[in-house]
Amino acid sequence: MANTIEYKGYIGSIEYSPEDKCFFGKLKMIDDLVTFEATTADELENNFHNAVDEYLLTCKELNREPQKTYRGVFNVRIDPSLHKQIYKEALKAGISLNTFVQQVLKNQVLPHSA
């Protein structure tokens, strides 16, 4: 299980600083730096919610898109033998490697989205 928290579709990282005896995190999947911290779990959740709400309000006031823009392109490094096997499966299916990988990822991720 990852150390994350979610609210209104936004993901926040959660880390702990033993030196400061506090939890801290930042919003992921955005271009801006938005952080939050707390000393208890309840306070952390509340501060995370406030950080998201304030971020959305600021974006609205500035007339900007709050979410990071994704181009639909990313590089993945895999074992060459796996690459060969994936390409072989794509050929057998009669589709491109990109289409094959997209279908596999979609089948893995979308059933888990709610």
PDB file of N, CA and C in Angstrom:
ATOM      1  N   MET A   1       0.845  -1.176   0.000  1.00  0.00           N
ATOM      2  CA  MET A   1       0.000   0.000   0.000  1.00  0.00           C
ATOM      3  C   MET A   1       0.891   1.240   0.000  1.00  0.00           C
ATOM      4  N   ALA A   2       0.602   2.145  -0.908  1.00  0.00           N
ATOM      5  CA  ALA A   2       1.375   3.384  -1.025  1.00  0.00           C
ATOM      6  C   ALA A   2       0.949   4.366   0.066  1.00  0.00           C
ATOM      7  N   ASN A   3       1.850   5.230   0.419  1.00  0.00           N
ATOM      8  CA  ASN A   3       1.548   6.265   1.415  1.00  0.00           C
ATOM      9  C   ASN A   3       0.957   7.476   0.717  1.00  0.00           C
ATOM     10  N   THR A   4      -0.319   7.355   0.392  1.00  0.00           N
ATOM     11  CA  THR A   4      -1.022   8.443  -0.295  1.00  0.00           C
ATOM     12  C   THR A   4      -2.392   8.639   0.330  1.00  0.00           C
ATOM     13  N   ILE A   5      -2.978   9.772   0.002  1.00  0.00           N
ATOM     14  CA  ILE A   5      -4.318  10.133   0.450  1.00  0.00           C
ATOM     15  C   ILE A   5      -5.017  10.755  -0.750  1.00  0.00           C
ATOM     16  N   GLU A   6      -6.331  10.599  -0.851  1.00  0.00           N
ATOM     17  CA  GLU A   6      -7.055  11.108  -2.011  1.00  0.00           C
ATOM     18  C   GLU A   6      -8.270  11.913  -1.574  1.00  0.00           C
ATOM     19  N   TYR A   7      -8.526  12.987  -2.324  1.00  0.00           N
ATOM     20  CA  TYR A   7      -9.673  13.861  -2.064  1.00  0.00           C
ATOM     21  C   TYR A   7      -9.996  14.610  -3.344  1.00  0.00           C
ATOM     22  N   LYS A   8     -11.262  14.578  -3.765  1.00  0.00           N
ATOM     23  CA  LYS A   8     -11.714  15.271  -4.973  1.00  0.00           C
ATOM     24  C   LYS A   8     -10.868  14.908  -6.192  1.00  0.00           C
ATOM     25  N   GLY A   9     -10.392  13.668  -6.252  1.00  0.00           N
ATOM     26  CA  GLY A   9      -9.595  13.220  -7.386  1.00  0.00           C
ATOM     27  C   GLY A   9      -8.130  13.598  -7.307  1.00  0.00           C
ATOM     28  N   TYR A  10      -7.714  14.252  -6.245  1.00  0.00           N
ATOM     29  CA  TYR A  10      -6.316  14.650  -6.079  1.00  0.00           C
ATOM     30  C   TYR A  10      -5.621  13.678  -5.136  1.00  0.00           C
ATOM     31  N   ILE A  11      -4.381  13.385  -5.448  1.00  0.00           N
ATOM     32  CA  ILE A  11      -3.565  12.466  -4.650  1.00  0.00           C
ATOM     33  C   ILE A  11      -2.514  13.290  -3.915  1.00  0.00           C
ATOM     34  N   GLY A  12      -2.346  12.978  -2.649  1.00  0.00           N
ATOM     35  CA  GLY A  12      -1.297  13.610  -1.865  1.00  0.00           C
ATOM     36  C   GLY A  12      -0.351  12.546  -1.337  1.00  0.00           C
ATOM     37  N   SER A  13       0.931  12.849  -1.337  1.00  0.00           N
ATOM     38  CA  SER A  13       1.909  11.937  -0.747  1.00  0.00           C
ATOM     39  C   SER A  13       1.859  12.103   0.764  1.00  0.00           C
ATOM     40  N   ILE A  14       2.257  11.064   1.487  1.00  0.00           N
ATOM     41  CA  ILE A  14       2.334  11.145   2.947  1.00  0.00           C
ATOM     42  C   ILE A  14       3.695  10.618   3.379  1.00  0.00           C
ATOM     43  N   GLU A  15       4.418  11.444   4.124  1.00  0.00           N
ATOM     44  CA  GLU A  15       5.701  11.043   4.684  1.00  0.00           C
ATOM     45  C   GLU A  15       5.722  11.445   6.149  1.00  0.00           C
ATOM     46  N   TYR A  16       6.689  10.900   6.872  1.00  0.00           N
ATOM     47  CA  TYR A  16       6.804  11.210   8.293  1.00  0.00           C
ATOM     48  C   TYR A  16       8.229  11.646   8.601  1.00  0.00           C
ATOM     49  N   SER A  17       8.357  12.707   9.381  1.00  0.00           N
ATOM     50  CA  SER A  17       9.660  13.193   9.813  1.00  0.00           C
ATOM     51  C   SER A  17       9.821  12.891  11.303  1.00  0.00           C
ATOM     52  N   PRO A  18      10.659  11.890  11.650  1.00  0.00           N
ATOM     53  CA  PRO A  18      10.859  11.587  13.069  1.00  0.00           C
ATOM     54  C   PRO A  18      11.517  12.743  13.821  1.00  0.00           C
ATOM     55  N   GLU A  19      12.378  13.487  13.137  1.00  0.00           N
ATOM     56  CA  GLU A  19      13.044  14.620  13.781  1.00  0.00           C
ATOM     57  C   GLU A  19      12.044  15.692  14.212  1.00  0.00           C
ATOM     58  N   ASP A  20      11.095  15.980  13.317  1.00  0.00           N
ATOM     59  CA  ASP A  20      10.100  17.015  13.592  1.00  0.00           C
ATOM     60  C   ASP A  20       8.829  16.455  14.226  1.00  0.00           C
ATOM     61  N   LYS A  21       8.733  15.124  14.257  1.00  0.00           N
ATOM     62  CA  LYS A  21       7.543  14.443  14.769  1.00  0.00           C
ATOM     63  C   LYS A  21       6.268  14.946  14.099  1.00  0.00           C
ATOM     64  N   CYS A  22       6.338  14.998  12.761  1.00  0.00           N
ATOM     65  CA  CYS A  22       5.151  15.422  12.024  1.00  0.00           C
ATOM     66  C   CYS A  22       5.051  14.684  10.695  1.00  0.00           C
ATOM     67  N   PHE A  23       3.835  14.632  10.210  1.00  0.00           N
ATOM     68  CA  PHE A  23       3.547  14.095   8.881  1.00  0.00           C
ATOM     69  C   PHE A  23       3.575  15.263   7.911  1.00  0.00           C
ATOM     70  N   PHE A  24       3.968  14.978   6.666  1.00  0.00           N
ATOM     71  CA  PHE A  24       3.944  16.021   5.651  1.00  0.00           C
ATOM     72  C   PHE A  24       3.726  15.377   4.292  1.00  0.00           C
ATOM     73  N   GLY A  25       3.326  16.193   3.345  1.00  0.00           N
ATOM     74  CA  GLY A  25       3.105  15.677   1.996  1.00  0.00           C
ATOM     75  C   GLY A  25       2.913  16.795   1.007  1.00  0.00           C
ATOM     76  N   LYS A  26       2.702  16.393  -0.237  1.00  0.00           N
ATOM     77  CA  LYS A  26       2.426  17.376  -1.284  1.00  0.00           C
ATOM     78  C   LYS A  26       1.446  16.787  -2.280  1.00  0.00           C
ATOM     79  N   LEU A  27       0.766  17.669  -2.991  1.00  0.00           N
ATOM     80  CA  LEU A  27      -0.163  17.226  -4.026  1.00  0.00           C
ATOM     81  C   LEU A  27       0.627  16.704  -5.206  1.00  0.00           C
ATOM     82  N   LYS A  28       0.206  15.572  -5.734  1.00  0.00           N
ATOM     83  CA  LYS A  28       0.827  14.967  -6.901  1.00  0.00           C
ATOM     84  C   LYS A  28      -0.033  15.277  -8.133  1.00  0.00           C
ATOM     85  N   MET A  29       0.553  15.083  -9.295  1.00  0.00           N
ATOM     86  CA  MET A  29      -0.146  15.214 -10.568  1.00  0.00           C
ATOM     87  C   MET A  29      -0.595  16.642 -10.891  1.00  0.00           C
ATOM     88  N   ILE A  30       0.102  17.622 -10.299  1.00  0.00           N
ATOM     89  CA  ILE A  30      -0.149  19.019 -10.643  1.00  0.00           C
ATOM     90  C   ILE A  30       1.198  19.663 -10.953  1.00  0.00           C
ATOM     91  N   ASP A  31       1.165  20.782 -11.638  1.00  0.00           N
ATOM     92  CA  ASP A  31       2.409  21.476 -11.977  1.00  0.00           C
ATOM     93  C   ASP A  31       2.924  22.334 -10.827  1.00  0.00           C
ATOM     94  N   ASP A  32       2.049  22.786  -9.955  1.00  0.00           N
ATOM     95  CA  ASP A  32       2.430  23.667  -8.857  1.00  0.00           C
ATOM     96  C   ASP A  32       2.873  22.868  -7.637  1.00  0.00           C
ATOM     97  N   LEU A  33       3.575  23.527  -6.731  1.00  0.00           N
ATOM     98  CA  LEU A  33       3.982  22.902  -5.480  1.00  0.00           C
ATOM     99  C   LEU A  33       2.991  23.287  -4.395  1.00  0.00           C
ATOM    100  N   VAL A  34       2.239  22.306  -3.903  1.00  0.00           N
ATOM    101  CA  VAL A  34       1.274  22.513  -2.831  1.00  0.00           C
ATOM    102  C   VAL A  34       1.580  21.476  -1.763  1.00  0.00           C
ATOM    103  N   THR A  35       1.886  21.945  -0.555  1.00  0.00           N
ATOM    104  CA  THR A  35       2.266  21.054   0.532  1.00  0.00           C
ATOM    105  C   THR A  35       1.290  21.161   1.692  1.00  0.00           C
ATOM    106  N   PHE A  36       1.373  20.189   2.588  1.00  0.00           N
ATOM    107  CA  PHE A  36       0.558  20.183   3.798  1.00  0.00           C
ATOM    108  C   PHE A  36       1.315  19.401   4.862  1.00  0.00           C
ATOM    109  N   GLU A  37       1.007  19.659   6.131  1.00  0.00           N
ATOM    110  CA  GLU A  37       1.657  18.938   7.227  1.00  0.00           C
ATOM    111  C   GLU A  37       0.751  18.901   8.433  1.00  0.00           C
ATOM    112  N   ALA A  38       1.078  18.014   9.386  1.00  0.00           N
ATOM    113  CA  ALA A  38       0.277  17.868  10.597  1.00  0.00           C
ATOM    114  C   ALA A  38       1.005  16.964  11.591  1.00  0.00           C
ATOM    115  N   THR A  39       0.511  16.944  12.810  1.00  0.00           N
ATOM    116  CA  THR A  39       1.102  16.066  13.828  1.00  0.00           C
ATOM    117  C   THR A  39       0.230  14.855  14.136  1.00  0.00           C
ATOM    118  N   THR A  40      -1.023  14.857  13.646  1.00  0.00           N
ATOM    119  CA  THR A  40      -1.910  13.702  13.833  1.00  0.00           C
ATOM    120  C   THR A  40      -2.520  13.306  12.497  1.00  0.00           C
ATOM    121  N   ALA A  41      -3.033  12.084  12.429  1.00  0.00           N
ATOM    122  CA  ALA A  41      -3.659  11.601  11.198  1.00  0.00           C
ATOM    123  C   ALA A  41      -4.891  12.419  10.837  1.00  0.00           C
ATOM    124  N   ASP A  42      -5.725  12.713  11.833  1.00  0.00           N
ATOM    125  CA  ASP A  42      -6.931  13.513  11.569  1.00  0.00           C
ATOM    126  C   ASP A  42      -6.576  14.906  11.065  1.00  0.00           C
ATOM    127  N   GLU A  43      -5.586  15.512  11.688  1.00  0.00           N
ATOM    128  CA  GLU A  43      -5.138  16.842  11.280  1.00  0.00           C
ATOM    129  C   GLU A  43      -4.538  16.798   9.873  1.00  0.00           C
ATOM    130  N   LEU A  44      -3.810  15.721   9.575  1.00  0.00           N
ATOM    131  CA  LEU A  44      -3.212  15.572   8.238  1.00  0.00           C
ATOM    132  C   LEU A  44      -4.299  15.508   7.174  1.00  0.00           C
ATOM    133  N   GLU A  45      -5.323  14.698   7.420  1.00  0.00           N
ATOM    134  CA  GLU A  45      -6.415  14.588   6.460  1.00  0.00           C
ATOM    135  C   GLU A  45      -7.120  15.920   6.283  1.00  0.00           C
ATOM    136  N   ASN A  46      -7.379  16.618   7.363  1.00  0.00           N
ATOM    137  CA  ASN A  46      -8.028  17.925   7.308  1.00  0.00           C
ATOM    138  C   ASN A  46      -7.162  18.933   6.548  1.00  0.00           C
ATOM    139  N   ASN A  47      -5.877  18.965   6.847  1.00  0.00           N
ATOM    140  CA  ASN A  47      -4.980  19.912   6.166  1.00  0.00           C
ATOM    141  C   ASN A  47      -4.824  19.575   4.690  1.00  0.00           C
ATOM    142  N   PHE A  48      -4.842  18.287   4.358  1.00  0.00           N
ATOM    143  CA  PHE A  48      -4.797  17.877   2.952  1.00  0.00           C
ATOM    144  C   PHE A  48      -6.049  18.369   2.221  1.00  0.00           C
ATOM    145  N   HIS A  49      -7.209  18.160   2.824  1.00  0.00           N
ATOM    146  CA  HIS A  49      -8.467  18.637   2.211  1.00  0.00           C
ATOM    147  C   HIS A  49      -8.427  20.148   2.012  1.00  0.00           C
ATOM    148  N   ASN A  50      -7.953  20.864   3.025  1.00  0.00           N
ATOM    149  CA  ASN A  50      -7.844  22.319   2.912  1.00  0.00           C
ATOM    150  C   ASN A  50      -6.881  22.728   1.801  1.00  0.00           C
ATOM    151  N   ALA A  51      -5.768  22.009   1.681  1.00  0.00           N
ATOM    152  CA  ALA A  51      -4.779  22.324   0.639  1.00  0.00           C
ATOM    153  C   ALA A  51      -5.393  22.143  -0.749  1.00  0.00           C
ATOM    154  N   VAL A  52      -6.152  21.059  -0.941  1.00  0.00           N
ATOM    155  CA  VAL A  52      -6.815  20.822  -2.236  1.00  0.00           C
ATOM    156  C   VAL A  52      -7.832  21.921  -2.506  1.00  0.00           C
ATOM    157  N   ASP A  53      -8.683  22.206  -1.516  1.00  0.00           N
ATOM    158  CA  ASP A  53      -9.715  23.230  -1.702  1.00  0.00           C
ATOM    159  C   ASP A  53      -9.108  24.597  -2.013  1.00  0.00           C
ATOM    160  N   GLU A  54      -8.051  24.970  -1.291  1.00  0.00           N
ATOM    161  CA  GLU A  54      -7.382  26.253  -1.540  1.00  0.00           C
ATOM    162  C   GLU A  54      -6.732  26.286  -2.915  1.00  0.00           C
ATOM    163  N   TYR A  55      -6.130  25.168  -3.301  1.00  0.00           N
ATOM    164  CA  TYR A  55      -5.503  25.078  -4.619  1.00  0.00           C
ATOM    165  C   TYR A  55      -6.553  25.270  -5.723  1.00  0.00           C
ATOM    166  N   LEU A  56      -7.675  24.585  -5.599  1.00  0.00           N
ATOM    167  CA  LEU A  56      -8.732  24.709  -6.609  1.00  0.00           C
ATOM    168  C   LEU A  56      -9.287  26.133  -6.664  1.00  0.00           C
ATOM    169  N   LEU A  57      -9.450  26.756  -5.506  1.00  0.00           N
ATOM    170  CA  LEU A  57      -9.935  28.141  -5.452  1.00  0.00           C
ATOM    171  C   LEU A  57      -8.938  29.088  -6.112  1.00  0.00           C
ATOM    172  N   THR A  58      -7.656  28.909  -5.817  1.00  0.00           N
ATOM    173  CA  THR A  58      -6.614  29.757  -6.423  1.00  0.00           C
ATOM    174  C   THR A  58      -6.603  29.594  -7.934  1.00  0.00           C
ATOM    175  N   CYS A  59      -6.692  28.335  -8.412  1.00  0.00           N
ATOM    176  CA  CYS A  59      -6.714  28.110  -9.860  1.00  0.00           C
ATOM    177  C   CYS A  59      -7.917  28.782 -10.505  1.00  0.00           C
ATOM    178  N   LYS A  60      -9.070  28.706  -9.837  1.00  0.00           N
ATOM    179  CA  LYS A  60     -10.279  29.344 -10.364  1.00  0.00           C
ATOM    180  C   LYS A  60     -10.092  30.856 -10.440  1.00  0.00           C
ATOM    181  N   GLU A  61      -9.531  31.431  -9.376  1.00  0.00           N
ATOM    182  CA  GLU A  61      -9.305  32.879  -9.350  1.00  0.00           C
ATOM    183  C   GLU A  61      -8.320  33.313 -10.425  1.00  0.00           C
ATOM    184  N   LEU A  62      -7.333  32.462 -10.727  1.00  0.00           N
ATOM    185  CA  LEU A  62      -6.330  32.783 -11.749  1.00  0.00           C
ATOM    186  C   LEU A  62      -6.750  32.324 -13.142  1.00  0.00           C
ATOM    187  N   ASN A  63      -7.941  31.702 -13.228  1.00  0.00           N
ATOM    188  CA  ASN A  63      -8.458  31.189 -14.497  1.00  0.00           C
ATOM    189  C   ASN A  63      -7.463  30.214 -15.159  1.00  0.00           C
ATOM    190  N   ARG A  64      -6.951  29.252 -14.354  1.00  0.00           N
ATOM    191  CA  ARG A  64      -6.005  28.250 -14.849  1.00  0.00           C
ATOM    192  C   ARG A  64      -6.550  26.850 -14.621  1.00  0.00           C
ATOM    193  N   GLU A  65      -6.085  25.941 -15.455  1.00  0.00           N
ATOM    194  CA  GLU A  65      -6.414  24.531 -15.281  1.00  0.00           C
ATOM    195  C   GLU A  65      -5.636  23.993 -14.087  1.00  0.00           C
ATOM    196  N   PRO A  66      -6.302  23.349 -13.140  1.00  0.00           N
ATOM    197  CA  PRO A  66      -5.589  22.853 -11.962  1.00  0.00           C
ATOM    198  C   PRO A  66      -4.784  21.575 -12.199  1.00  0.00           C
ATOM    199  N   GLN A  67      -5.266  20.692 -13.032  1.00  0.00           N
ATOM    200  CA  GLN A  67      -4.568  19.423 -13.242  1.00  0.00           C
ATOM    201  C   GLN A  67      -3.398  19.563 -14.205  1.00  0.00           C
ATOM    202  N   LYS A  68      -2.408  18.743 -13.997  1.00  0.00           N
ATOM    203  CA  LYS A  68      -1.286  18.666 -14.920  1.00  0.00           C
ATOM    204  C   LYS A  68      -1.809  18.112 -16.241  1.00  0.00           C
ATOM    205  N   THR A  69      -1.266  18.590 -17.341  1.00  0.00           N
ATOM    206  CA  THR A  69      -1.659  18.110 -18.659  1.00  0.00           C
ATOM    207  C   THR A  69      -0.774  16.932 -19.034  1.00  0.00           C
ATOM    208  N   TYR A  70      -1.404  15.866 -19.488  1.00  0.00           N
ATOM    209  CA  TYR A  70      -0.660  14.681 -19.926  1.00  0.00           C
ATOM    210  C   TYR A  70      -0.746  14.570 -21.430  1.00  0.00           C
ATOM    211  N   ARG A  71       0.403  14.285 -22.051  1.00  0.00           N
ATOM    212  CA  ARG A  71       0.469  14.210 -23.506  1.00  0.00           C
ATOM    213  C   ARG A  71       0.104  12.833 -24.041  1.00  0.00           C
ATOM    214  N   GLY A  72       0.086  11.834 -23.187  1.00  0.00           N
ATOM    215  CA  GLY A  72      -0.211  10.482 -23.653  1.00  0.00           C
ATOM    216  C   GLY A  72       1.028   9.756 -24.144  1.00  0.00           C
ATOM    217  N   VAL A  73       2.195  10.268 -23.801  1.00  0.00           N
ATOM    218  CA  VAL A  73       3.457   9.652 -24.210  1.00  0.00           C
ATOM    219  C   VAL A  73       4.337   9.481 -22.981  1.00  0.00           C
ATOM    220  N   PHE A  74       4.859   8.268 -22.779  1.00  0.00           N
ATOM    221  CA  PHE A  74       5.829   8.043 -21.719  1.00  0.00           C
ATOM    222  C   PHE A  74       6.731   6.882 -22.110  1.00  0.00           C
ATOM    223  N   ASN A  75       7.942   6.916 -21.617  1.00  0.00           N
ATOM    224  CA  ASN A  75       8.907   5.856 -21.909  1.00  0.00           C
ATOM    225  C   ASN A  75       8.936   4.857 -20.774  1.00  0.00           C
ATOM    226  N   VAL A  76       8.998   3.592 -21.136  1.00  0.00           N
ATOM    227  CA  VAL A  76       9.072   2.525 -20.147  1.00  0.00           C
ATOM    228  C   VAL A  76      10.258   1.650 -20.500  1.00  0.00           C
ATOM    229  N   ARG A  77      11.127   1.397 -19.518  1.00  0.00           N
ATOM    230  CA  ARG A  77      12.270   0.517 -19.742  1.00  0.00           C
ATOM    231  C   ARG A  77      11.923  -0.861 -19.209  1.00  0.00           C
ATOM    232  N   ILE A  78      12.013  -1.857 -20.093  1.00  0.00           N
ATOM    233  CA  ILE A  78      11.709  -3.228 -19.698  1.00  0.00           C
ATOM    234  C   ILE A  78      12.803  -4.157 -20.209  1.00  0.00           C
ATOM    235  N   ASP A  79      12.804  -5.348 -19.693  1.00  0.00           N
ATOM    236  CA  ASP A  79      13.748  -6.366 -20.126  1.00  0.00           C
ATOM    237  C   ASP A  79      13.556  -6.638 -21.621  1.00  0.00           C
ATOM    238  N   PRO A  80      14.625  -6.736 -22.394  1.00  0.00           N
ATOM    239  CA  PRO A  80      14.502  -6.972 -23.833  1.00  0.00           C
ATOM    240  C   PRO A  80      13.700  -8.237 -24.186  1.00  0.00           C
ATOM    241  N   SER A  81      13.820  -9.284 -23.379  1.00  0.00           N
ATOM    242  CA  SER A  81      13.061 -10.505 -23.687  1.00  0.00           C
ATOM    243  C   SER A  81      11.554 -10.273 -23.483  1.00  0.00           C
ATOM    244  N   LEU A  82      11.195  -9.467 -22.510  1.00  0.00           N
ATOM    245  CA  LEU A  82       9.786  -9.121 -22.313  1.00  0.00           C
ATOM    246  C   LEU A  82       9.294  -8.264 -23.471  1.00  0.00           C
ATOM    247  N   HIS A  83      10.104  -7.303 -23.896  1.00  0.00           N
ATOM    248  CA  HIS A  83       9.771  -6.458 -25.041  1.00  0.00           C
ATOM    249  C   HIS A  83       9.463  -7.339 -26.259  1.00  0.00           C
ATOM    250  N   LYS A  84      10.318  -8.316 -26.507  1.00  0.00           N
ATOM    251  CA  LYS A  84      10.141  -9.231 -27.644  1.00  0.00           C
ATOM    252  C   LYS A  84       8.832 -10.006 -27.513  1.00  0.00           C
ATOM    253  N   GLN A  85       8.543 -10.519 -26.320  1.00  0.00           N
ATOM    254  CA  GLN A  85       7.320 -11.292 -26.104  1.00  0.00           C
ATOM    255  C   GLN A  85       6.072 -10.428 -26.282  1.00  0.00           C
ATOM    256  N   ILE A  86       6.126  -9.199 -25.781  1.00  0.00           N
ATOM    257  CA  ILE A  86       4.982  -8.292 -25.937  1.00  0.00           C
ATOM    258  C   ILE A  86       4.744  -7.993 -27.411  1.00  0.00           C
ATOM    259  N   TYR A  87       5.826  -7.744 -28.138  1.00  0.00           N
ATOM    260  CA  TYR A  87       5.687  -7.465 -29.569  1.00  0.00           C
ATOM    261  C   TYR A  87       5.111  -8.674 -30.305  1.00  0.00           C
ATOM    262  N   LYS A  88       5.544  -9.861 -29.909  1.00  0.00           N
ATOM    263  CA  LYS A  88       5.042 -11.094 -30.514  1.00  0.00           C
ATOM    264  C   LYS A  88       3.530 -11.222 -30.287  1.00  0.00           C
ATOM    265  N   GLU A  89       3.093 -10.912 -29.068  1.00  0.00           N
ATOM    266  CA  GLU A  89       1.661 -10.977 -28.748  1.00  0.00           C
ATOM    267  C   GLU A  89       0.865  -9.941 -29.549  1.00  0.00           C
ATOM    268  N   ALA A  90       1.434  -8.775 -29.739  1.00  0.00           N
ATOM    269  CA  ALA A  90       0.777  -7.735 -30.543  1.00  0.00           C
ATOM    270  C   ALA A  90       0.638  -8.186 -31.988  1.00  0.00           C
ATOM    271  N   LEU A  91       1.701  -8.781 -32.522  1.00  0.00           N
ATOM    272  CA  LEU A  91       1.632  -9.286 -33.897  1.00  0.00           C
ATOM    273  C   LEU A  91       0.549 -10.350 -34.041  1.00  0.00           C
ATOM    274  N   LYS A  92       0.484 -11.278 -33.083  1.00  0.00           N
ATOM    275  CA  LYS A  92      -0.529 -12.339 -33.131  1.00  0.00           C
ATOM    276  C   LYS A  92      -1.935 -11.757 -33.045  1.00  0.00           C
ATOM    277  N   ALA A  93      -2.086 -10.658 -32.326  1.00  0.00           N
ATOM    278  CA  ALA A  93      -3.396 -10.008 -32.198  1.00  0.00           C
ATOM    279  C   ALA A  93      -3.711  -9.124 -33.402  1.00  0.00           C
ATOM    280  N   GLY A  94      -2.707  -8.899 -34.244  1.00  0.00           N
ATOM    281  CA  GLY A  94      -2.918  -8.081 -35.433  1.00  0.00           C
ATOM    282  C   GLY A  94      -3.008  -6.594 -35.137  1.00  0.00           C
ATOM    283  N   ILE A  95      -2.348  -6.157 -34.052  1.00  0.00           N
ATOM    284  CA  ILE A  95      -2.381  -4.750 -33.679  1.00  0.00           C
ATOM    285  C   ILE A  95      -0.960  -4.241 -33.427  1.00  0.00           C
ATOM    286  N   SER A  96      -0.831  -2.932 -33.358  1.00  0.00           N
ATOM    287  CA  SER A  96       0.487  -2.350 -33.107  1.00  0.00           C
ATOM    288  C   SER A  96       0.904  -2.597 -31.656  1.00  0.00           C
ATOM    289  N   LEU A  97       2.189  -2.466 -31.413  1.00  0.00           N
ATOM    290  CA  LEU A  97       2.711  -2.601 -30.055  1.00  0.00           C
ATOM    291  C   LEU A  97       2.070  -1.572 -29.130  1.00  0.00           C
ATOM    292  N   ASN A  98       1.939  -0.325 -29.595  1.00  0.00           N
ATOM    293  CA  ASN A  98       1.315   0.724 -28.782  1.00  0.00           C
ATOM    294  C   ASN A  98      -0.125   0.373 -28.428  1.00  0.00           C
ATOM    295  N   THR A  99      -0.887  -0.103 -29.402  1.00  0.00           N
ATOM    296  CA  THR A  99      -2.280  -0.459 -29.145  1.00  0.00           C
ATOM    297  C   THR A  99      -2.367  -1.617 -28.164  1.00  0.00           C
ATOM    298  N   PHE A 100      -1.489  -2.608 -28.320  1.00  0.00           N
ATOM    299  CA  PHE A 100      -1.476  -3.752 -27.417  1.00  0.00           C
ATOM    300  C   PHE A 100      -1.193  -3.311 -25.983  1.00  0.00           C
ATOM    301  N   VAL A 101      -0.152  -2.510 -25.800  1.00  0.00           N
ATOM    302  CA  VAL A 101       0.216  -2.048 -24.461  1.00  0.00           C
ATOM    303  C   VAL A 101      -0.903  -1.193 -23.874  1.00  0.00           C
ATOM    304  N   GLN A 102      -1.508  -0.337 -24.683  1.00  0.00           N
ATOM    305  CA  GLN A 102      -2.611   0.495 -24.196  1.00  0.00           C
ATOM    306  C   GLN A 102      -3.770  -0.370 -23.723  1.00  0.00           C
ATOM    307  N   GLN A 103      -4.103  -1.425 -24.485  1.00  0.00           N
ATOM    308  CA  GLN A 103      -5.202  -2.304 -24.091  1.00  0.00           C
ATOM    309  C   GLN A 103      -4.901  -3.028 -22.781  1.00  0.00           C
ATOM    310  N   VAL A 104      -3.670  -3.507 -22.628  1.00  0.00           N
ATOM    311  CA  VAL A 104      -3.289  -4.206 -21.398  1.00  0.00           C
ATOM    312  C   VAL A 104      -3.370  -3.254 -20.203  1.00  0.00           C
ATOM    313  N   LEU A 105      -2.836  -2.055 -20.367  1.00  0.00           N
ATOM    314  CA  LEU A 105      -2.883  -1.080 -19.272  1.00  0.00           C
ATOM    315  C   LEU A 105      -4.315  -0.689 -18.937  1.00  0.00           C
ATOM    316  N   LYS A 106      -5.124  -0.476 -19.966  1.00  0.00           N
ATOM    317  CA  LYS A 106      -6.527  -0.101 -19.755  1.00  0.00           C
ATOM    318  C   LYS A 106      -7.268  -1.202 -19.002  1.00  0.00           C
ATOM    319  N   ASN A 107      -7.027  -2.459 -19.384  1.00  0.00           N
ATOM    320  CA  ASN A 107      -7.679  -3.590 -18.708  1.00  0.00           C
ATOM    321  C   ASN A 107      -7.230  -3.706 -17.251  1.00  0.00           C
ATOM    322  N   GLN A 108      -6.010  -3.322 -16.969  1.00  0.00           N
ATOM    323  CA  GLN A 108      -5.479  -3.398 -15.609  1.00  0.00           C
ATOM    324  C   GLN A 108      -5.956  -2.238 -14.739  1.00  0.00           C
ATOM    325  N   VAL A 109      -6.024  -1.044 -15.308  1.00  0.00           N
ATOM    326  CA  VAL A 109      -6.290   0.155 -14.505  1.00  0.00           C
ATOM    327  C   VAL A 109      -7.768   0.501 -14.420  1.00  0.00           C
ATOM    328  N   LEU A 110      -8.477   0.497 -15.523  1.00  0.00           N
ATOM    329  CA  LEU A 110      -9.860   0.983 -15.522  1.00  0.00           C
ATOM    330  C   LEU A 110     -10.808   0.177 -14.646  1.00  0.00           C
ATOM    331  N   PRO A 111     -10.690  -1.154 -14.553  1.00  0.00           N
ATOM    332  CA  PRO A 111     -11.604  -1.861 -13.649  1.00  0.00           C
ATOM    333  C   PRO A 111     -11.408  -1.452 -12.185  1.00  0.00           C
ATOM    334  N   HIS A 112     -10.242  -0.907 -11.848  1.00  0.00           N
ATOM    335  CA  HIS A 112      -9.952  -0.511 -10.470  1.00  0.00           C
ATOM    336  C   HIS A 112     -10.338   0.934 -10.186  1.00  0.00           C
ATOM    337  N   SER A 113     -10.657   1.690 -11.226  1.00  0.00           N
ATOM    338  CA  SER A 113     -11.054   3.101 -11.034  1.00  0.00           C
ATOM    339  C   SER A 113     -12.515   3.155 -10.630  1.00  0.00           C
ATOM    340  N   ALA A 114     -12.784   4.091  -9.773  1.00  0.00           N
ATOM    341  CA  ALA A 114     -14.197   4.231  -9.366  1.00  0.00           C
ATOM    342  C   ALA A 114     -14.623   5.669  -9.439  1.00  0.00           C
TER     343      ALA A 114
END
